[in-house]
Amino acid sequence: FTSQVPDSRLYLPHVTNATQVDANAY
């Protein structure tokens, strides 16, 4: 799991209303 830290991406980082984007769209 540590070896993958440099290649990791957050999900919808700093996207406005990200929680709603996930729940209502994705």
mmCIF file of all heavy atoms, coordinates in Angstrom:
data_MODEL
# 
_entry.id   MODEL 
# 
loop_
_atom_site.group_PDB 
_atom_site.id 
_atom_site.type_symbol 
_atom_site.label_atom_id 
_atom_site.label_alt_id 
_atom_site.label_comp_id 
_atom_site.label_asym_id 
_atom_site.label_entity_id 
_atom_site.label_seq_id 
_atom_site.pdbx_PDB_ins_code 
_atom_site.Cartn_x 
_atom_site.Cartn_y 
_atom_site.Cartn_z 
_atom_site.occupancy 
_atom_site.B_iso_or_equiv 
_atom_site.pdbx_formal_charge 
_atom_site.auth_seq_id 
_atom_site.auth_comp_id 
_atom_site.auth_asym_id 
_atom_site.auth_atom_id 
_atom_site.pdbx_PDB_model_num 
ATOM 1   N N   . PHE A 1 1  ? 0.823   -1.206 0.000   1.00 0.00 ? 1  PHE A N   1 
ATOM 2   C CA  . PHE A 1 1  ? 0.000   0.000  0.000   1.00 0.00 ? 1  PHE A CA  1 
ATOM 3   C C   . PHE A 1 1  ? 0.864   1.265  0.000   1.00 0.00 ? 1  PHE A C   1 
ATOM 4   O O   . PHE A 1 1  ? 0.515   2.260  -0.645  1.00 0.00 ? 1  PHE A O   1 
ATOM 5   C CB  . PHE A 1 1  ? -0.949  -0.014 1.201   1.00 0.00 ? 1  PHE A CB  1 
ATOM 6   C CG  . PHE A 1 1  ? -2.058  -1.017 1.068   1.00 0.00 ? 1  PHE A CG  1 
ATOM 7   C CD1 . PHE A 1 1  ? -1.977  -2.255 1.687   1.00 0.00 ? 1  PHE A CD1 1 
ATOM 8   C CD2 . PHE A 1 1  ? -3.174  -0.736 0.298   1.00 0.00 ? 1  PHE A CD2 1 
ATOM 9   C CE1 . PHE A 1 1  ? -2.984  -3.196 1.548   1.00 0.00 ? 1  PHE A CE1 1 
ATOM 10  C CE2 . PHE A 1 1  ? -4.186  -1.670 0.146   1.00 0.00 ? 1  PHE A CE2 1 
ATOM 11  C CZ  . PHE A 1 1  ? -4.098  -2.900 0.767   1.00 0.00 ? 1  PHE A CZ  1 
ATOM 12  N N   . THR A 1 2  ? 1.997   1.212  0.678   1.00 0.00 ? 2  THR A N   1 
ATOM 13  C CA  . THR A 1 2  ? 2.887   2.373  0.713   1.00 0.00 ? 2  THR A CA  1 
ATOM 14  C C   . THR A 1 2  ? 3.497   2.627  -0.658  1.00 0.00 ? 2  THR A C   1 
ATOM 15  O O   . THR A 1 2  ? 3.671   3.784  -1.061  1.00 0.00 ? 2  THR A O   1 
ATOM 16  C CB  . THR A 1 2  ? 4.005   2.154  1.749   1.00 0.00 ? 2  THR A CB  1 
ATOM 17  O OG1 . THR A 1 2  ? 3.414   1.974  3.050   1.00 0.00 ? 2  THR A OG1 1 
ATOM 18  C CG2 . THR A 1 2  ? 4.950   3.342  1.808   1.00 0.00 ? 2  THR A CG2 1 
ATOM 19  N N   . SER A 1 3  ? 3.802   1.567  -1.384  1.00 0.00 ? 3  SER A N   1 
ATOM 20  C CA  . SER A 1 3  ? 4.437   1.725  -2.697  1.00 0.00 ? 3  SER A CA  1 
ATOM 21  C C   . SER A 1 3  ? 3.537   2.469  -3.678  1.00 0.00 ? 3  SER A C   1 
ATOM 22  O O   . SER A 1 3  ? 4.019   3.009  -4.682  1.00 0.00 ? 3  SER A O   1 
ATOM 23  C CB  . SER A 1 3  ? 4.806   0.358  -3.275  1.00 0.00 ? 3  SER A CB  1 
ATOM 24  O OG  . SER A 1 3  ? 3.655   -0.386 -3.627  1.00 0.00 ? 3  SER A OG  1 
ATOM 25  N N   . GLN A 1 4  ? 2.245   2.506  -3.410  1.00 0.00 ? 4  GLN A N   1 
ATOM 26  C CA  . GLN A 1 4  ? 1.309   3.155  -4.322  1.00 0.00 ? 4  GLN A CA  1 
ATOM 27  C C   . GLN A 1 4  ? 0.970   4.595  -3.936  1.00 0.00 ? 4  GLN A C   1 
ATOM 28  O O   . GLN A 1 4  ? 0.247   5.276  -4.669  1.00 0.00 ? 4  GLN A O   1 
ATOM 29  C CB  . GLN A 1 4  ? 0.024   2.331  -4.424  1.00 0.00 ? 4  GLN A CB  1 
ATOM 30  C CG  . GLN A 1 4  ? 0.263   0.961  -5.018  1.00 0.00 ? 4  GLN A CG  1 
ATOM 31  C CD  . GLN A 1 4  ? -1.021  0.186  -5.229  1.00 0.00 ? 4  GLN A CD  1 
ATOM 32  O OE1 . GLN A 1 4  ? -1.486  0.003  -6.337  1.00 0.00 ? 4  GLN A OE1 1 
ATOM 33  N NE2 . GLN A 1 4  ? -1.594  -0.262 -4.133  1.00 0.00 ? 4  GLN A NE2 1 
ATOM 34  N N   . VAL A 1 5  ? 1.489   5.042  -2.798  1.00 0.00 ? 5  VAL A N   1 
ATOM 35  C CA  . VAL A 1 5  ? 1.194   6.407  -2.350  1.00 0.00 ? 5  VAL A CA  1 
ATOM 36  C C   . VAL A 1 5  ? 1.592   7.458  -3.393  1.00 0.00 ? 5  VAL A C   1 
ATOM 37  O O   . VAL A 1 5  ? 0.813   8.365  -3.700  1.00 0.00 ? 5  VAL A O   1 
ATOM 38  C CB  . VAL A 1 5  ? 1.852   6.695  -0.987  1.00 0.00 ? 5  VAL A CB  1 
ATOM 39  C CG1 . VAL A 1 5  ? 1.793   8.184  -0.643  1.00 0.00 ? 5  VAL A CG1 1 
ATOM 40  C CG2 . VAL A 1 5  ? 1.179   5.878  0.117   1.00 0.00 ? 5  VAL A CG2 1 
ATOM 41  N N   . PRO A 1 6  ? 2.795   7.381  -3.992  1.00 0.00 ? 6  PRO A N   1 
ATOM 42  C CA  . PRO A 1 6  ? 3.186   8.421  -4.966  1.00 0.00 ? 6  PRO A CA  1 
ATOM 43  C C   . PRO A 1 6  ? 2.286   8.481  -6.197  1.00 0.00 ? 6  PRO A C   1 
ATOM 44  O O   . PRO A 1 6  ? 2.199   9.520  -6.856  1.00 0.00 ? 6  PRO A O   1 
ATOM 45  C CB  . PRO A 1 6  ? 4.616   8.018  -5.359  1.00 0.00 ? 6  PRO A CB  1 
ATOM 46  C CG  . PRO A 1 6  ? 5.112   7.180  -4.235  1.00 0.00 ? 6  PRO A CG  1 
ATOM 47  C CD  . PRO A 1 6  ? 3.908   6.429  -3.759  1.00 0.00 ? 6  PRO A CD  1 
ATOM 48  N N   . ASP A 1 7  ? 1.625   7.364  -6.529  1.00 0.00 ? 7  ASP A N   1 
ATOM 49  C CA  . ASP A 1 7  ? 0.791   7.316  -7.731  1.00 0.00 ? 7  ASP A CA  1 
ATOM 50  C C   . ASP A 1 7  ? -0.700  7.477  -7.423  1.00 0.00 ? 7  ASP A C   1 
ATOM 51  O O   . ASP A 1 7  ? -1.540  7.287  -8.296  1.00 0.00 ? 7  ASP A O   1 
ATOM 52  C CB  . ASP A 1 7  ? 0.990   5.977  -8.451  1.00 0.00 ? 7  ASP A CB  1 
ATOM 53  C CG  . ASP A 1 7  ? 2.437   5.735  -8.830  1.00 0.00 ? 7  ASP A CG  1 
ATOM 54  O OD1 . ASP A 1 7  ? 3.075   6.683  -9.322  1.00 0.00 ? 7  ASP A OD1 1 
ATOM 55  O OD2 . ASP A 1 7  ? 2.931   4.606  -8.630  1.00 0.00 ? 7  ASP A OD2 1 
ATOM 56  N N   . SER A 1 8  ? -1.027  7.821  -6.195  1.00 0.00 ? 8  SER A N   1 
ATOM 57  C CA  . SER A 1 8  ? -2.429  7.885  -5.790  1.00 0.00 ? 8  SER A CA  1 
ATOM 58  C C   . SER A 1 8  ? -3.069  9.219  -6.150  1.00 0.00 ? 8  SER A C   1 
ATOM 59  O O   . SER A 1 8  ? -2.403  10.253 -6.238  1.00 0.00 ? 8  SER A O   1 
ATOM 60  C CB  . SER A 1 8  ? -2.554  7.645  -4.284  1.00 0.00 ? 8  SER A CB  1 
ATOM 61  O OG  . SER A 1 8  ? -1.865  8.646  -3.564  1.00 0.00 ? 8  SER A OG  1 
ATOM 62  N N   . ARG A 1 9  ? -4.378  9.174  -6.358  1.00 0.00 ? 9  ARG A N   1 
ATOM 63  C CA  . ARG A 1 9  ? -5.175  10.358 -6.649  1.00 0.00 ? 9  ARG A CA  1 
ATOM 64  C C   . ARG A 1 9  ? -6.387  10.381 -5.738  1.00 0.00 ? 9  ARG A C   1 
ATOM 65  O O   . ARG A 1 9  ? -7.019  9.341  -5.494  1.00 0.00 ? 9  ARG A O   1 
ATOM 66  C CB  . ARG A 1 9  ? -5.656  10.345 -8.104  1.00 0.00 ? 9  ARG A CB  1 
ATOM 67  C CG  . ARG A 1 9  ? -4.565  10.410 -9.141  1.00 0.00 ? 9  ARG A CG  1 
ATOM 68  C CD  . ARG A 1 9  ? -5.118  10.261 -10.555 1.00 0.00 ? 9  ARG A CD  1 
ATOM 69  N NE  . ARG A 1 9  ? -6.145  11.265 -10.855 1.00 0.00 ? 9  ARG A NE  1 
ATOM 70  C CZ  . ARG A 1 9  ? -6.783  11.348 -12.023 1.00 0.00 ? 9  ARG A CZ  1 
ATOM 71  N NH1 . ARG A 1 9  ? -6.511  10.486 -12.996 1.00 0.00 ? 9  ARG A NH1 1 
ATOM 72  N NH2 . ARG A 1 9  ? -7.689  12.281 -12.227 1.00 0.00 ? 9  ARG A NH2 1 
ATOM 73  N N   . LEU A 1 10 ? -6.729  11.555 -5.225  1.00 0.00 ? 10 LEU A N   1 
ATOM 74  C CA  . LEU A 1 10 ? -7.943  11.686 -4.446  1.00 0.00 ? 10 LEU A CA  1 
ATOM 75  C C   . LEU A 1 10 ? -9.150  11.720 -5.381  1.00 0.00 ? 10 LEU A C   1 
ATOM 76  O O   . LEU A 1 10 ? -9.039  12.105 -6.548  1.00 0.00 ? 10 LEU A O   1 
ATOM 77  C CB  . LEU A 1 10 ? -7.902  12.957 -3.596  1.00 0.00 ? 10 LEU A CB  1 
ATOM 78  C CG  . LEU A 1 10 ? -6.821  13.013 -2.506  1.00 0.00 ? 10 LEU A CG  1 
ATOM 79  C CD1 . LEU A 1 10 ? -6.871  14.353 -1.783  1.00 0.00 ? 10 LEU A CD1 1 
ATOM 80  C CD2 . LEU A 1 10 ? -6.969  11.872 -1.503  1.00 0.00 ? 10 LEU A CD2 1 
ATOM 81  N N   . TYR A 1 11 ? -10.286 11.322 -4.865  1.00 0.00 ? 11 TYR A N   1 
ATOM 82  C CA  . TYR A 1 11 ? -11.526 11.287 -5.632  1.00 0.00 ? 11 TYR A CA  1 
ATOM 83  C C   . TYR A 1 11 ? -12.226 12.637 -5.535  1.00 0.00 ? 11 TYR A C   1 
ATOM 84  O O   . TYR A 1 11 ? -12.553 13.099 -4.446  1.00 0.00 ? 11 TYR A O   1 
ATOM 85  C CB  . TYR A 1 11 ? -12.414 10.168 -5.078  1.00 0.00 ? 11 TYR A CB  1 
ATOM 86  C CG  . TYR A 1 11 ? -13.795 10.061 -5.664  1.00 0.00 ? 11 TYR A CG  1 
ATOM 87  C CD1 . TYR A 1 11 ? -14.003 10.038 -7.037  1.00 0.00 ? 11 TYR A CD1 1 
ATOM 88  C CD2 . TYR A 1 11 ? -14.903 9.950  -4.836  1.00 0.00 ? 11 TYR A CD2 1 
ATOM 89  C CE1 . TYR A 1 11 ? -15.268 9.912  -7.569  1.00 0.00 ? 11 TYR A CE1 1 
ATOM 90  C CE2 . TYR A 1 11 ? -16.177 9.813  -5.350  1.00 0.00 ? 11 TYR A CE2 1 
ATOM 91  C CZ  . TYR A 1 11 ? -16.367 9.804  -6.719  1.00 0.00 ? 11 TYR A CZ  1 
ATOM 92  O OH  . TYR A 1 11 ? -17.628 9.675  -7.236  1.00 0.00 ? 11 TYR A OH  1 
ATOM 93  N N   . LEU A 1 12 ? -12.426 13.310 -6.661  1.00 0.00 ? 12 LEU A N   1 
ATOM 94  C CA  . LEU A 1 12 ? -13.099 14.607 -6.743  1.00 0.00 ? 12 LEU A CA  1 
ATOM 95  C C   . LEU A 1 12 ? -12.499 15.639 -5.787  1.00 0.00 ? 12 LEU A C   1 
ATOM 96  O O   . LEU A 1 12 ? -13.213 16.295 -5.028  1.00 0.00 ? 12 LEU A O   1 
ATOM 97  C CB  . LEU A 1 12 ? -14.602 14.443 -6.450  1.00 0.00 ? 12 LEU A CB  1 
ATOM 98  C CG  . LEU A 1 12 ? -15.381 13.521 -7.388  1.00 0.00 ? 12 LEU A CG  1 
ATOM 99  C CD1 . LEU A 1 12 ? -16.812 13.358 -6.902  1.00 0.00 ? 12 LEU A CD1 1 
ATOM 100 C CD2 . LEU A 1 12 ? -15.378 14.062 -8.819  1.00 0.00 ? 12 LEU A CD2 1 
ATOM 101 N N   . PRO A 1 13 ? -11.185 15.814 -5.798  1.00 0.00 ? 13 PRO A N   1 
ATOM 102 C CA  . PRO A 1 13 ? -10.559 16.751 -4.861  1.00 0.00 ? 13 PRO A CA  1 
ATOM 103 C C   . PRO A 1 13 ? -10.960 18.198 -5.126  1.00 0.00 ? 13 PRO A C   1 
ATOM 104 O O   . PRO A 1 13 ? -10.887 18.680 -6.255  1.00 0.00 ? 13 PRO A O   1 
ATOM 105 C CB  . PRO A 1 13 ? -9.062  16.534 -5.105  1.00 0.00 ? 13 PRO A CB  1 
ATOM 106 C CG  . PRO A 1 13 ? -8.984  16.072 -6.520  1.00 0.00 ? 13 PRO A CG  1 
ATOM 107 C CD  . PRO A 1 13 ? -10.215 15.225 -6.725  1.00 0.00 ? 13 PRO A CD  1 
ATOM 108 N N   . HIS A 1 14 ? -11.406 18.868 -4.077  1.00 0.00 ? 14 HIS A N   1 
ATOM 109 C CA  . HIS A 1 14 ? -11.756 20.288 -4.134  1.00 0.00 ? 14 HIS A CA  1 
ATOM 110 C C   . HIS A 1 14 ? -12.815 20.597 -5.188  1.00 0.00 ? 14 HIS A C   1 
ATOM 111 O O   . HIS A 1 14 ? -12.918 21.734 -5.653  1.00 0.00 ? 14 HIS A O   1 
ATOM 112 C CB  . HIS A 1 14 ? -10.515 21.145 -4.383  1.00 0.00 ? 14 HIS A CB  1 
ATOM 113 C CG  . HIS A 1 14 ? -10.114 21.953 -3.187  1.00 0.00 ? 14 HIS A CG  1 
ATOM 114 N ND1 . HIS A 1 14 ? -10.718 23.140 -2.848  1.00 0.00 ? 14 HIS A ND1 1 
ATOM 115 C CD2 . HIS A 1 14 ? -9.181  21.745 -2.242  1.00 0.00 ? 14 HIS A CD2 1 
ATOM 116 C CE1 . HIS A 1 14 ? -10.156 23.643 -1.753  1.00 0.00 ? 14 HIS A CE1 1 
ATOM 117 N NE2 . HIS A 1 14 ? -9.230  22.792 -1.352  1.00 0.00 ? 14 HIS A NE2 1 
ATOM 118 N N   . VAL A 1 15 ? -13.594 19.612 -5.549  1.00 0.00 ? 15 VAL A N   1 
ATOM 119 C CA  . VAL A 1 15 ? -14.691 19.837 -6.490  1.00 0.00 ? 15 VAL A CA  1 
ATOM 120 C C   . VAL A 1 15 ? -15.887 20.366 -5.705  1.00 0.00 ? 15 VAL A C   1 
ATOM 121 O O   . VAL A 1 15 ? -16.263 19.798 -4.672  1.00 0.00 ? 15 VAL A O   1 
ATOM 122 C CB  . VAL A 1 15 ? -15.063 18.532 -7.219  1.00 0.00 ? 15 VAL A CB  1 
ATOM 123 C CG1 . VAL A 1 15 ? -16.340 18.698 -8.035  1.00 0.00 ? 15 VAL A CG1 1 
ATOM 124 C CG2 . VAL A 1 15 ? -13.916 18.092 -8.122  1.00 0.00 ? 15 VAL A CG2 1 
ATOM 125 N N   . THR A 1 16 ? -16.478 21.443 -6.173  1.00 0.00 ? 16 THR A N   1 
ATOM 126 C CA  . THR A 1 16 ? -17.633 22.023 -5.499  1.00 0.00 ? 16 THR A CA  1 
ATOM 127 C C   . THR A 1 16 ? -18.759 20.998 -5.393  1.00 0.00 ? 16 THR A C   1 
ATOM 128 O O   . THR A 1 16 ? -19.095 20.327 -6.373  1.00 0.00 ? 16 THR A O   1 
ATOM 129 C CB  . THR A 1 16 ? -18.136 23.257 -6.269  1.00 0.00 ? 16 THR A CB  1 
ATOM 130 O OG1 . THR A 1 16 ? -17.074 24.209 -6.366  1.00 0.00 ? 16 THR A OG1 1 
ATOM 131 C CG2 . THR A 1 16 ? -19.328 23.893 -5.567  1.00 0.00 ? 16 THR A CG2 1 
ATOM 132 N N   . ASN A 1 17 ? -19.313 20.869 -4.183  1.00 0.00 ? 17 ASN A N   1 
ATOM 133 C CA  . ASN A 1 17 ? -20.402 19.916 -3.931  1.00 0.00 ? 17 ASN A CA  1 
ATOM 134 C C   . ASN A 1 17 ? -20.017 18.491 -4.314  1.00 0.00 ? 17 ASN A C   1 
ATOM 135 O O   . ASN A 1 17 ? -20.834 17.731 -4.861  1.00 0.00 ? 17 ASN A O   1 
ATOM 136 C CB  . ASN A 1 17 ? -21.672 20.332 -4.683  1.00 0.00 ? 17 ASN A CB  1 
ATOM 137 C CG  . ASN A 1 17 ? -22.256 21.636 -4.178  1.00 0.00 ? 17 ASN A CG  1 
ATOM 138 O OD1 . ASN A 1 17 ? -22.296 21.876 -2.970  1.00 0.00 ? 17 ASN A OD1 1 
ATOM 139 N ND2 . ASN A 1 17 ? -22.697 22.497 -5.076  1.00 0.00 ? 17 ASN A ND2 1 
ATOM 140 N N   . ALA A 1 18 ? -18.773 18.121 -3.994  1.00 0.00 ? 18 ALA A N   1 
ATOM 141 C CA  . ALA A 1 18 ? -18.263 16.804 -4.390  1.00 0.00 ? 18 ALA A CA  1 
ATOM 142 C C   . ALA A 1 18 ? -19.113 15.659 -3.842  1.00 0.00 ? 18 ALA A C   1 
ATOM 143 O O   . ALA A 1 18 ? -19.337 14.663 -4.540  1.00 0.00 ? 18 ALA A O   1 
ATOM 144 C CB  . ALA A 1 18 ? -16.818 16.653 -3.926  1.00 0.00 ? 18 ALA A CB  1 
ATOM 145 N N   . THR A 1 19 ? -19.580 15.783 -2.621  1.00 0.00 ? 19 THR A N   1 
ATOM 146 C CA  . THR A 1 19 ? -20.384 14.713 -2.028  1.00 0.00 ? 19 THR A CA  1 
ATOM 147 C C   . THR A 1 19 ? -21.667 14.513 -2.820  1.00 0.00 ? 19 THR A C   1 
ATOM 148 O O   . THR A 1 19 ? -22.099 13.374 -3.064  1.00 0.00 ? 19 THR A O   1 
ATOM 149 C CB  . THR A 1 19 ? -20.716 15.037 -0.563  1.00 0.00 ? 19 THR A CB  1 
ATOM 150 O OG1 . THR A 1 19 ? -19.500 15.200 0.170   1.00 0.00 ? 19 THR A OG1 1 
ATOM 151 C CG2 . THR A 1 19 ? -21.523 13.921 0.079   1.00 0.00 ? 19 THR A CG2 1 
ATOM 152 N N   . GLN A 1 20 ? -22.281 15.617 -3.256  1.00 0.00 ? 20 GLN A N   1 
ATOM 153 C CA  . GLN A 1 20 ? -23.503 15.522 -4.049  1.00 0.00 ? 20 GLN A CA  1 
ATOM 154 C C   . GLN A 1 20 ? -23.200 15.011 -5.467  1.00 0.00 ? 20 GLN A C   1 
ATOM 155 O O   . GLN A 1 20 ? -24.014 14.301 -6.063  1.00 0.00 ? 20 GLN A O   1 
ATOM 156 C CB  . GLN A 1 20 ? -24.196 16.888 -4.124  1.00 0.00 ? 20 GLN A CB  1 
ATOM 157 C CG  . GLN A 1 20 ? -24.851 17.332 -2.820  1.00 0.00 ? 20 GLN A CG  1 
ATOM 158 C CD  . GLN A 1 20 ? -23.842 17.815 -1.793  1.00 0.00 ? 20 GLN A CD  1 
ATOM 159 O OE1 . GLN A 1 20 ? -22.742 18.243 -2.155  1.00 0.00 ? 20 GLN A OE1 1 
ATOM 160 N NE2 . GLN A 1 20 ? -24.202 17.755 -0.521  1.00 0.00 ? 20 GLN A NE2 1 
ATOM 161 N N   . VAL A 1 21 ? -22.042 15.388 -6.008  1.00 0.00 ? 21 VAL A N   1 
ATOM 162 C CA  . VAL A 1 21 ? -21.650 14.876 -7.323  1.00 0.00 ? 21 VAL A CA  1 
ATOM 163 C C   . VAL A 1 21 ? -21.564 13.354 -7.276  1.00 0.00 ? 21 VAL A C   1 
ATOM 164 O O   . VAL A 1 21 ? -22.033 12.656 -8.188  1.00 0.00 ? 21 VAL A O   1 
ATOM 165 C CB  . VAL A 1 21 ? -20.303 15.481 -7.773  1.00 0.00 ? 21 VAL A CB  1 
ATOM 166 C CG1 . VAL A 1 21 ? -19.771 14.758 -9.012  1.00 0.00 ? 21 VAL A CG1 1 
ATOM 167 C CG2 . VAL A 1 21 ? -20.458 16.972 -8.071  1.00 0.00 ? 21 VAL A CG2 1 
ATOM 168 N N   . ASP A 1 22 ? -20.985 12.853 -6.213  1.00 0.00 ? 22 ASP A N   1 
ATOM 169 C CA  . ASP A 1 22 ? -20.871 11.403 -6.053  1.00 0.00 ? 22 ASP A CA  1 
ATOM 170 C C   . ASP A 1 22 ? -22.248 10.763 -5.932  1.00 0.00 ? 22 ASP A C   1 
ATOM 171 O O   . ASP A 1 22 ? -22.577 9.829  -6.663  1.00 0.00 ? 22 ASP A O   1 
ATOM 172 C CB  . ASP A 1 22 ? -20.034 11.077 -4.821  1.00 0.00 ? 22 ASP A CB  1 
ATOM 173 C CG  . ASP A 1 22 ? -19.974 9.586  -4.531  1.00 0.00 ? 22 ASP A CG  1 
ATOM 174 O OD1 . ASP A 1 22 ? -19.320 8.872  -5.304  1.00 0.00 ? 22 ASP A OD1 1 
ATOM 175 O OD2 . ASP A 1 22 ? -20.589 9.138  -3.542  1.00 0.00 ? 22 ASP A OD2 1 
ATOM 176 N N   . ALA A 1 23 ? -23.062 11.287 -5.006  1.00 0.00 ? 23 ALA A N   1 
ATOM 177 C CA  . ALA A 1 23 ? -24.342 10.653 -4.687  1.00 0.00 ? 23 ALA A CA  1 
ATOM 178 C C   . ALA A 1 23 ? -25.395 10.838 -5.772  1.00 0.00 ? 23 ALA A C   1 
ATOM 179 O O   . ALA A 1 23 ? -26.165 9.909  -6.063  1.00 0.00 ? 23 ALA A O   1 
ATOM 180 C CB  . ALA A 1 23 ? -24.867 11.197 -3.363  1.00 0.00 ? 23 ALA A CB  1 
ATOM 181 N N   . ASN A 1 24 ? -25.434 12.025 -6.366  1.00 0.00 ? 24 ASN A N   1 
ATOM 182 C CA  . ASN A 1 24 ? -26.520 12.345 -7.293  1.00 0.00 ? 24 ASN A CA  1 
ATOM 183 C C   . ASN A 1 24 ? -26.174 12.146 -8.763  1.00 0.00 ? 24 ASN A C   1 
ATOM 184 O O   . ASN A 1 24 ? -27.064 12.143 -9.614  1.00 0.00 ? 24 ASN A O   1 
ATOM 185 C CB  . ASN A 1 24 ? -26.964 13.794 -7.085  1.00 0.00 ? 24 ASN A CB  1 
ATOM 186 C CG  . ASN A 1 24 ? -27.465 14.052 -5.676  1.00 0.00 ? 24 ASN A CG  1 
ATOM 187 O OD1 . ASN A 1 24 ? -27.862 13.136 -4.973  1.00 0.00 ? 24 ASN A OD1 1 
ATOM 188 N ND2 . ASN A 1 24 ? -27.435 15.298 -5.249  1.00 0.00 ? 24 ASN A ND2 1 
ATOM 189 N N   . ALA A 1 25 ? -24.885 12.013 -9.065  1.00 0.00 ? 25 ALA A N   1 
ATOM 190 C CA  . ALA A 1 25 ? -24.487 11.858 -10.465 1.00 0.00 ? 25 ALA A CA  1 
ATOM 191 C C   . ALA A 1 25 ? -23.690 10.588 -10.717 1.00 0.00 ? 25 ALA A C   1 
ATOM 192 O O   . ALA A 1 25 ? -24.071 9.760  -11.554 1.00 0.00 ? 25 ALA A O   1 
ATOM 193 C CB  . ALA A 1 25 ? -23.676 13.078 -10.921 1.00 0.00 ? 25 ALA A CB  1 
ATOM 194 N N   . TYR A 1 26 ? -22.585 10.409 -9.981  1.00 0.00 ? 26 TYR A N   1 
ATOM 195 C CA  . TYR A 1 26 ? -21.690 9.305  -10.320 1.00 0.00 ? 26 TYR A CA  1 
ATOM 196 C C   . TYR A 1 26 ? -22.253 7.943  -9.924  1.00 0.00 ? 26 TYR A C   1 
ATOM 197 O O   . TYR A 1 26 ? -22.234 7.003  -10.732 1.00 0.00 ? 26 TYR A O   1 
ATOM 198 C CB  . TYR A 1 26 ? -20.316 9.514  -9.673  1.00 0.00 ? 26 TYR A CB  1 
ATOM 199 C CG  . TYR A 1 26 ? -19.248 8.645  -10.295 1.00 0.00 ? 26 TYR A CG  1 
ATOM 200 C CD1 . TYR A 1 26 ? -18.808 8.885  -11.589 1.00 0.00 ? 26 TYR A CD1 1 
ATOM 201 C CD2 . TYR A 1 26 ? -18.696 7.571  -9.601  1.00 0.00 ? 26 TYR A CD2 1 
ATOM 202 C CE1 . TYR A 1 26 ? -17.832 8.087  -12.187 1.00 0.00 ? 26 TYR A CE1 1 
ATOM 203 C CE2 . TYR A 1 26 ? -17.719 6.762  -10.182 1.00 0.00 ? 26 TYR A CE2 1 
ATOM 204 C CZ  . TYR A 1 26 ? -17.301 7.025  -11.473 1.00 0.00 ? 26 TYR A CZ  1 
ATOM 205 O OH  . TYR A 1 26 ? -16.349 6.234  -12.063 1.00 0.00 ? 26 TYR A OH  1 
# 
